[in-house]
Amino acid sequence: YLTRWFEDERPLPATPHATVATAAQALLHTHRHGALDHLTEALIDSGHRRAVELLAVLAEDEPSAACRAVD
Protein backbone atom coordinates (compact mmCIF):
# COMPACT_ATOMS: atom_id res chain seq x y z
CA TYR A 1 0.00 0.00 0.00
CA LEU A 2 2.87 2.39 0.64
CA THR A 3 3.93 2.40 -3.02
CA ARG A 4 0.71 4.31 -3.73
CA TRP A 5 2.18 7.17 -1.73
CA PHE A 6 5.11 7.55 -4.14
CA GLU A 7 3.06 10.15 -6.05
CA ASP A 8 2.34 12.28 -2.97
CA GLU A 9 4.74 15.23 -2.87
CA ARG A 10 3.08 17.04 0.04
CA PRO A 11 5.65 18.18 2.60
CA LEU A 12 5.52 16.74 6.08
CA PRO A 13 4.84 19.43 8.69
CA ALA A 14 7.47 18.16 11.14
CA THR A 15 10.17 17.85 8.47
CA PRO A 16 9.57 20.31 5.64
CA HIS A 17 12.35 18.85 3.45
CA ALA A 18 10.66 15.44 3.49
CA THR A 19 7.50 14.55 1.62
CA VAL A 20 4.91 11.83 2.02
CA ALA A 21 6.63 10.03 -0.87
CA THR A 22 10.09 10.12 0.71
CA ALA A 23 8.61 8.98 4.02
CA ALA A 24 7.02 6.01 2.23
CA GLN A 25 10.40 5.11 0.73
CA ALA A 26 12.07 5.37 4.12
CA LEU A 27 9.42 3.24 5.83
CA LEU A 28 9.70 0.53 3.19
CA HIS A 29 13.48 0.51 3.46
CA THR A 30 13.49 0.50 7.26
CA HIS A 31 10.97 -2.33 7.59
CA ARG A 32 12.14 -4.40 4.63
CA HIS A 33 13.29 -7.40 6.68
CA GLY A 34 9.76 -8.64 7.39
CA ALA A 35 9.02 -9.54 3.78
CA LEU A 36 11.98 -8.56 1.62
CA ASP A 37 11.07 -10.73 -1.36
CA HIS A 38 7.48 -9.48 -1.40
CA LEU A 39 8.71 -5.90 -1.14
CA THR A 40 11.11 -6.40 -4.03
CA GLU A 41 8.33 -7.85 -6.19
CA ALA A 42 5.92 -5.03 -5.27
CA LEU A 43 8.53 -2.42 -6.18
CA ILE A 44 9.20 -4.10 -9.53
CA ASP A 45 5.47 -4.31 -10.26
CA SER A 46 4.98 -0.65 -9.35
CA GLY A 47 7.39 0.63 -11.99
CA HIS A 48 7.43 4.03 -10.31
CA ARG A 49 10.60 6.14 -10.32
CA ARG A 50 10.74 6.06 -6.53
CA ALA A 51 10.38 2.27 -6.59
CA VAL A 52 13.35 2.04 -8.95
CA GLU A 53 15.38 4.27 -6.61
CA LEU A 54 14.53 2.05 -3.66
CA LEU A 55 15.33 -1.09 -5.67
CA ALA A 56 18.79 0.32 -6.40
CA VAL A 57 19.38 0.85 -2.68
CA LEU A 58 18.08 -2.63 -1.89
CA ALA A 59 20.36 -4.16 -4.52
CA GLU A 60 23.30 -2.69 -2.61
CA ASP A 61 21.98 -3.50 0.87
CA GLU A 62 20.38 -6.87 0.09
CA PRO A 63 22.00 -8.32 -3.07
CA SER A 64 20.56 -11.79 -2.48
CA ALA A 65 17.02 -10.39 -2.69
CA ALA A 66 17.83 -8.72 -5.99
CA CYS A 67 19.19 -12.03 -7.31
CA ARG A 68 16.04 -13.88 -6.24
CA ALA A 69 13.88 -11.26 -7.94
CA VAL A 70 15.78 -11.63 -11.18
CA ASP A 71 15.51 -15.40 -10.97
PDB file of N, CA and C in Angstrom:
ATOM      1  N   TYR A   1       0.811  -1.206   0.000  1.00  0.00           N
ATOM      2  CA  TYR A   1       0.000   0.000   0.000  1.00  0.00           C
ATOM      3  C   TYR A   1       0.855   1.272   0.000  1.00  0.00           C
ATOM      4  N   LEU A   2       2.034   1.184   0.566  1.00  0.00           N
ATOM      5  CA  LEU A   2       2.873   2.389   0.637  1.00  0.00           C
ATOM      6  C   LEU A   2       3.365   2.852  -0.737  1.00  0.00           C
ATOM      7  N   THR A   3       3.478   1.957  -1.699  1.00  0.00           N
ATOM      8  CA  THR A   3       3.928   2.397  -3.016  1.00  0.00           C
ATOM      9  C   THR A   3       2.943   3.374  -3.650  1.00  0.00           C
ATOM     10  N   ARG A   4       1.695   3.343  -3.223  1.00  0.00           N
ATOM     11  CA  ARG A   4       0.706   4.306  -3.731  1.00  0.00           C
ATOM     12  C   ARG A   4       1.050   5.729  -3.302  1.00  0.00           C
ATOM     13  N   TRP A   5       1.806   5.856  -2.238  1.00  0.00           N
ATOM     14  CA  TRP A   5       2.179   7.170  -1.727  1.00  0.00           C
ATOM     15  C   TRP A   5       3.362   7.771  -2.479  1.00  0.00           C
ATOM     16  N   PHE A   6       3.961   7.035  -3.387  1.00  0.00           N
ATOM     17  CA  PHE A   6       5.112   7.552  -4.137  1.00  0.00           C
ATOM     18  C   PHE A   6       4.763   8.781  -4.974  1.00  0.00           C
ATOM     19  N   GLU A   7       3.508   8.993  -5.258  1.00  0.00           N
ATOM     20  CA  GLU A   7       3.065  10.150  -6.046  1.00  0.00           C
ATOM     21  C   GLU A   7       2.800  11.386  -5.182  1.00  0.00           C
ATOM     22  N   ASP A   8       2.755  11.213  -3.877  1.00  0.00           N
ATOM     23  CA  ASP A   8       2.338  12.277  -2.966  1.00  0.00           C
ATOM     24  C   ASP A   8       3.526  13.146  -2.554  1.00  0.00           C
ATOM     25  N   GLU A   9       3.619  14.315  -3.120  1.00  0.00           N
ATOM     26  CA  GLU A   9       4.743  15.225  -2.867  1.00  0.00           C
ATOM     27  C   GLU A   9       4.444  16.285  -1.806  1.00  0.00           C
ATOM     28  N   ARG A  10       3.379  16.073  -1.034  1.00  0.00           N
ATOM     29  CA  ARG A  10       3.082  17.038   0.036  1.00  0.00           C
ATOM     30  C   ARG A  10       4.187  16.999   1.088  1.00  0.00           C
ATOM     31  N   PRO A  11       4.624  18.169   1.555  1.00  0.00           N
ATOM     32  CA  PRO A  11       5.649  18.183   2.596  1.00  0.00           C
ATOM     33  C   PRO A  11       5.067  17.724   3.928  1.00  0.00           C
ATOM     34  N   LEU A  12       5.927  17.138   4.735  1.00  0.00           N
ATOM     35  CA  LEU A  12       5.518  16.738   6.080  1.00  0.00           C
ATOM     36  C   LEU A  12       5.720  17.923   7.009  1.00  0.00           C
ATOM     37  N   PRO A  13       4.733  18.251   7.827  1.00  0.00           N
ATOM     38  CA  PRO A  13       4.842  19.433   8.691  1.00  0.00           C
ATOM     39  C   PRO A  13       6.057  19.404   9.622  1.00  0.00           C
ATOM     40  N   ALA A  14       6.360  18.247  10.177  1.00  0.00           N
ATOM     41  CA  ALA A  14       7.466  18.158  11.139  1.00  0.00           C
ATOM     42  C   ALA A  14       8.830  18.234  10.468  1.00  0.00           C
ATOM     43  N   THR A  15       8.910  17.826   9.216  1.00  0.00           N
ATOM     44  CA  THR A  15      10.174  17.846   8.475  1.00  0.00           C
ATOM     45  C   THR A  15       9.905  18.397   7.076  1.00  0.00           C
ATOM     46  N   PRO A  16       9.984  19.692   6.902  1.00  0.00           N
ATOM     47  CA  PRO A  16       9.573  20.308   5.640  1.00  0.00           C
ATOM     48  C   PRO A  16      10.384  19.869   4.416  1.00  0.00           C
ATOM     49  N   HIS A  17      11.563  19.310   4.604  1.00  0.00           N
ATOM     50  CA  HIS A  17      12.346  18.851   3.453  1.00  0.00           C
ATOM     51  C   HIS A  17      11.938  17.452   3.009  1.00  0.00           C
ATOM     52  N   ALA A  18      11.155  16.769   3.838  1.00  0.00           N
ATOM     53  CA  ALA A  18      10.659  15.439   3.491  1.00  0.00           C
ATOM     54  C   ALA A  18       9.225  15.556   2.977  1.00  0.00           C
ATOM     55  N   THR A  19       8.862  14.604   2.146  1.00  0.00           N
ATOM     56  CA  THR A  19       7.503  14.545   1.622  1.00  0.00           C
ATOM     57  C   THR A  19       6.869  13.222   2.031  1.00  0.00           C
ATOM     58  N   VAL A  20       5.594  13.098   1.770  1.00  0.00           N
ATOM     59  CA  VAL A  20       4.907  11.832   2.021  1.00  0.00           C
ATOM     60  C   VAL A  20       5.595  10.727   1.211  1.00  0.00           C
ATOM     61  N   ALA A  21       5.977  11.025  -0.012  1.00  0.00           N
ATOM     62  CA  ALA A  21       6.628  10.035  -0.871  1.00  0.00           C
ATOM     63  C   ALA A  21       7.977   9.587  -0.312  1.00  0.00           C
ATOM     64  N   THR A  22       8.786  10.519   0.159  1.00  0.00           N
ATOM     65  CA  THR A  22      10.088  10.121   0.708  1.00  0.00           C
ATOM     66  C   THR A  22       9.918   9.374   2.025  1.00  0.00           C
ATOM     67  N   ALA A  23       8.893   9.719   2.786  1.00  0.00           N
ATOM     68  CA  ALA A  23       8.607   8.982   4.020  1.00  0.00           C
ATOM     69  C   ALA A  23       8.198   7.544   3.697  1.00  0.00           C
ATOM     70  N   ALA A  24       7.415   7.360   2.646  1.00  0.00           N
ATOM     71  CA  ALA A  24       7.021   6.011   2.235  1.00  0.00           C
ATOM     72  C   ALA A  24       8.244   5.197   1.845  1.00  0.00           C
ATOM     73  N   GLN A  25       9.156   5.807   1.091  1.00  0.00           N
ATOM     74  CA  GLN A  25      10.401   5.112   0.727  1.00  0.00           C
ATOM     75  C   GLN A  25      11.173   4.711   1.980  1.00  0.00           C
ATOM     76  N   ALA A  26      11.309   5.630   2.899  1.00  0.00           N
ATOM     77  CA  ALA A  26      12.069   5.372   4.118  1.00  0.00           C
ATOM     78  C   ALA A  26      11.426   4.260   4.953  1.00  0.00           C
ATOM     79  N   LEU A  27      10.105   4.286   5.071  1.00  0.00           N
ATOM     80  CA  LEU A  27       9.415   3.237   5.827  1.00  0.00           C
ATOM     81  C   LEU A  27       9.621   1.866   5.189  1.00  0.00           C
ATOM     82  N   LEU A  28       9.501   1.804   3.877  1.00  0.00           N
ATOM     83  CA  LEU A  28       9.696   0.528   3.193  1.00  0.00           C
ATOM     84  C   LEU A  28      11.121   0.022   3.380  1.00  0.00           C
ATOM     85  N   HIS A  29      12.092   0.917   3.291  1.00  0.00           N
ATOM     86  CA  HIS A  29      13.482   0.508   3.464  1.00  0.00           C
ATOM     87  C   HIS A  29      13.749   0.059   4.899  1.00  0.00           C
ATOM     88  N   THR A  30      13.254   0.805   5.852  1.00  0.00           N
ATOM     89  CA  THR A  30      13.493   0.503   7.264  1.00  0.00           C
ATOM     90  C   THR A  30      12.877  -0.829   7.682  1.00  0.00           C
ATOM     91  N   HIS A  31      11.696  -1.131   7.172  1.00  0.00           N
ATOM     92  CA  HIS A  31      10.972  -2.333   7.586  1.00  0.00           C
ATOM     93  C   HIS A  31      11.015  -3.436   6.536  1.00  0.00           C
ATOM     94  N   ARG A  32      12.037  -3.441   5.732  1.00  0.00           N
ATOM     95  CA  ARG A  32      12.142  -4.399   4.630  1.00  0.00           C
ATOM     96  C   ARG A  32      12.354  -5.844   5.086  1.00  0.00           C
ATOM     97  N   HIS A  33      12.898  -6.056   6.254  1.00  0.00           N
ATOM     98  CA  HIS A  33      13.291  -7.398   6.679  1.00  0.00           C
ATOM     99  C   HIS A  33      12.109  -8.332   6.912  1.00  0.00           C
ATOM    100  N   GLY A  34      10.933  -7.800   7.150  1.00  0.00           N
ATOM    101  CA  GLY A  34       9.760  -8.641   7.394  1.00  0.00           C
ATOM    102  C   GLY A  34       9.323  -9.445   6.183  1.00  0.00           C
ATOM    103  N   ALA A  35       9.464  -8.867   5.010  1.00  0.00           N
ATOM    104  CA  ALA A  35       9.023  -9.540   3.781  1.00  0.00           C
ATOM    105  C   ALA A  35       9.810  -8.974   2.593  1.00  0.00           C
ATOM    106  N   LEU A  36      11.093  -9.170   2.621  1.00  0.00           N
ATOM    107  CA  LEU A  36      11.976  -8.562   1.619  1.00  0.00           C
ATOM    108  C   LEU A  36      11.643  -8.989   0.195  1.00  0.00           C
ATOM    109  N   ASP A  37      11.389 -10.267  -0.010  1.00  0.00           N
ATOM    110  CA  ASP A  37      11.071 -10.732  -1.364  1.00  0.00           C
ATOM    111  C   ASP A  37       9.760 -10.146  -1.872  1.00  0.00           C
ATOM    112  N   HIS A  38       8.770 -10.071  -0.999  1.00  0.00           N
ATOM    113  CA  HIS A  38       7.482  -9.477  -1.398  1.00  0.00           C
ATOM    114  C   HIS A  38       7.647  -7.988  -1.700  1.00  0.00           C
ATOM    115  N   LEU A  39       8.447  -7.317  -0.897  1.00  0.00           N
ATOM    116  CA  LEU A  39       8.708  -5.896  -1.139  1.00  0.00           C
ATOM    117  C   LEU A  39       9.384  -5.705  -2.490  1.00  0.00           C
ATOM    118  N   THR A  40      10.391  -6.500  -2.761  1.00  0.00           N
ATOM    119  CA  THR A  40      11.107  -6.397  -4.034  1.00  0.00           C
ATOM    120  C   THR A  40      10.148  -6.591  -5.208  1.00  0.00           C
ATOM    121  N   GLU A  41       9.304  -7.594  -5.120  1.00  0.00           N
ATOM    122  CA  GLU A  41       8.332  -7.850  -6.191  1.00  0.00           C
ATOM    123  C   GLU A  41       7.341  -6.697  -6.336  1.00  0.00           C
ATOM    124  N   ALA A  42       6.871  -6.151  -5.216  1.00  0.00           N
ATOM    125  CA  ALA A  42       5.922  -5.031  -5.271  1.00  0.00           C
ATOM    126  C   ALA A  42       6.568  -3.804  -5.902  1.00  0.00           C
ATOM    127  N   LEU A  43       7.833  -3.563  -5.591  1.00  0.00           N
ATOM    128  CA  LEU A  43       8.530  -2.420  -6.179  1.00  0.00           C
ATOM    129  C   LEU A  43       8.708  -2.609  -7.679  1.00  0.00           C
ATOM    130  N   ILE A  44       9.048  -3.815  -8.094  1.00  0.00           N
ATOM    131  CA  ILE A  44       9.198  -4.098  -9.528  1.00  0.00           C
ATOM    132  C   ILE A  44       7.865  -3.911 -10.237  1.00  0.00           C
ATOM    133  N   ASP A  45       6.801  -4.435  -9.650  1.00  0.00           N
ATOM    134  CA  ASP A  45       5.466  -4.312 -10.255  1.00  0.00           C
ATOM    135  C   ASP A  45       5.009  -2.866 -10.344  1.00  0.00           C
ATOM    136  N   SER A  46       5.419  -2.046  -9.381  1.00  0.00           N
ATOM    137  CA  SER A  46       4.981  -0.653  -9.349  1.00  0.00           C
ATOM    138  C   SER A  46       5.527   0.134 -10.537  1.00  0.00           C
ATOM    139  N   GLY A  47       6.787  -0.081 -10.869  1.00  0.00           N
ATOM    140  CA  GLY A  47       7.393   0.627 -11.990  1.00  0.00           C
ATOM    141  C   GLY A  47       7.582   2.118 -11.774  1.00  0.00           C
ATOM    142  N   HIS A  48       7.305   2.599 -10.604  1.00  0.00           N
ATOM    143  CA  HIS A  48       7.431   4.026 -10.309  1.00  0.00           C
ATOM    144  C   HIS A  48       8.902   4.408 -10.140  1.00  0.00           C
ATOM    145  N   ARG A  49       9.222   5.650 -10.446  1.00  0.00           N
ATOM    146  CA  ARG A  49      10.601   6.143 -10.322  1.00  0.00           C
ATOM    147  C   ARG A  49      11.128   5.953  -8.900  1.00  0.00           C
ATOM    148  N   ARG A  50      10.308   6.223  -7.924  1.00  0.00           N
ATOM    149  CA  ARG A  50      10.738   6.056  -6.529  1.00  0.00           C
ATOM    150  C   ARG A  50      10.955   4.587  -6.183  1.00  0.00           C
ATOM    151  N   ALA A  51      10.187   3.701  -6.789  1.00  0.00           N
ATOM    152  CA  ALA A  51      10.384   2.268  -6.586  1.00  0.00           C
ATOM    153  C   ALA A  51      11.725   1.835  -7.165  1.00  0.00           C
ATOM    154  N   VAL A  52      12.064   2.367  -8.324  1.00  0.00           N
ATOM    155  CA  VAL A  52      13.347   2.043  -8.952  1.00  0.00           C
ATOM    156  C   VAL A  52      14.497   2.547  -8.079  1.00  0.00           C
ATOM    157  N   GLU A  53      14.351   3.736  -7.513  1.00  0.00           N
ATOM    158  CA  GLU A  53      15.375   4.270  -6.611  1.00  0.00           C
ATOM    159  C   GLU A  53      15.565   3.352  -5.409  1.00  0.00           C
ATOM    160  N   LEU A  54      14.460   2.920  -4.829  1.00  0.00           N
ATOM    161  CA  LEU A  54      14.534   2.048  -3.661  1.00  0.00           C
ATOM    162  C   LEU A  54      15.101   0.685  -4.043  1.00  0.00           C
ATOM    163  N   LEU A  55      14.757   0.178  -5.209  1.00  0.00           N
ATOM    164  CA  LEU A  55      15.334  -1.088  -5.669  1.00  0.00           C
ATOM    165  C   LEU A  55      16.846  -0.995  -5.807  1.00  0.00           C
ATOM    166  N   ALA A  56      17.338   0.138  -6.275  1.00  0.00           N
ATOM    167  CA  ALA A  56      18.789   0.322  -6.402  1.00  0.00           C
ATOM    168  C   ALA A  56      19.460   0.262  -5.032  1.00  0.00           C
ATOM    169  N   VAL A  57      18.838   0.887  -4.046  1.00  0.00           N
ATOM    170  CA  VAL A  57      19.381   0.847  -2.683  1.00  0.00           C
ATOM    171  C   VAL A  57      19.320  -0.578  -2.136  1.00  0.00           C
ATOM    172  N   LEU A  58      18.215  -1.257  -2.363  1.00  0.00           N
ATOM    173  CA  LEU A  58      18.077  -2.632  -1.886  1.00  0.00           C
ATOM    174  C   LEU A  58      19.079  -3.568  -2.559  1.00  0.00           C
ATOM    175  N   ALA A  59      19.377  -3.326  -3.816  1.00  0.00           N
ATOM    176  CA  ALA A  59      20.362  -4.157  -4.517  1.00  0.00           C
ATOM    177  C   ALA A  59      21.734  -4.046  -3.854  1.00  0.00           C
ATOM    178  N   GLU A  60      22.043  -2.869  -3.331  1.00  0.00           N
ATOM    179  CA  GLU A  60      23.305  -2.686  -2.608  1.00  0.00           C
ATOM    180  C   GLU A  60      23.231  -3.293  -1.210  1.00  0.00           C
ATOM    181  N   ASP A  61      22.122  -3.046  -0.509  1.00  0.00           N
ATOM    182  CA  ASP A  61      21.977  -3.503   0.874  1.00  0.00           C
ATOM    183  C   ASP A  61      21.650  -4.988   0.988  1.00  0.00           C
ATOM    184  N   GLU A  62      20.891  -5.495   0.043  1.00  0.00           N
ATOM    185  CA  GLU A  62      20.379  -6.866   0.091  1.00  0.00           C
ATOM    186  C   GLU A  62      20.556  -7.533  -1.288  1.00  0.00           C
ATOM    187  N   PRO A  63      21.796  -7.775  -1.718  1.00  0.00           N
ATOM    188  CA  PRO A  63      22.001  -8.316  -3.074  1.00  0.00           C
ATOM    189  C   PRO A  63      21.331  -9.660  -3.305  1.00  0.00           C
ATOM    190  N   SER A  64      21.198 -10.488  -2.280  1.00  0.00           N
ATOM    191  CA  SER A  64      20.563 -11.795  -2.475  1.00  0.00           C
ATOM    192  C   SER A  64      19.086 -11.647  -2.862  1.00  0.00           C
ATOM    193  N   ALA A  65      18.423 -10.634  -2.330  1.00  0.00           N
ATOM    194  CA  ALA A  65      17.019 -10.393  -2.686  1.00  0.00           C
ATOM    195  C   ALA A  65      16.903  -9.970  -4.148  1.00  0.00           C
ATOM    196  N   ALA A  66      17.835  -9.148  -4.589  1.00  0.00           N
ATOM    197  CA  ALA A  66      17.825  -8.721  -5.989  1.00  0.00           C
ATOM    198  C   ALA A  66      18.053  -9.923  -6.906  1.00  0.00           C
ATOM    199  N   CYS A  67      18.934 -10.816  -6.508  1.00  0.00           N
ATOM    200  CA  CYS A  67      19.188 -12.027  -7.309  1.00  0.00           C
ATOM    201  C   CYS A  67      17.948 -12.911  -7.370  1.00  0.00           C
ATOM    202  N   ARG A  68      17.265 -13.074  -6.245  1.00  0.00           N
ATOM    203  CA  ARG A  68      16.042 -13.883  -6.243  1.00  0.00           C
ATOM    204  C   ARG A  68      14.968 -13.249  -7.123  1.00  0.00           C
ATOM    205  N   ALA A  69      14.879 -11.941  -7.119  1.00  0.00           N
ATOM    206  CA  ALA A  69      13.877 -11.256  -7.938  1.00  0.00           C
ATOM    207  C   ALA A  69      14.157 -11.461  -9.423  1.00  0.00           C
ATOM    208  N   VAL A  70      15.416 -11.415  -9.785  1.00  0.00           N
ATOM    209  CA  VAL A  70      15.782 -11.626 -11.184  1.00  0.00           C
ATOM    210  C   VAL A  70      15.493 -13.050 -11.591  1.00  0.00           C
ATOM    211  N   ASP A  71      15.750 -13.971 -10.686  1.00  0.00           N
ATOM    212  CA  ASP A  71      15.506 -15.399 -10.971  1.00  0.00           C
ATOM    213  C   ASP A  71      14.027 -15.637 -11.161  1.00  0.00           C
TER     214      ASP A  71
END
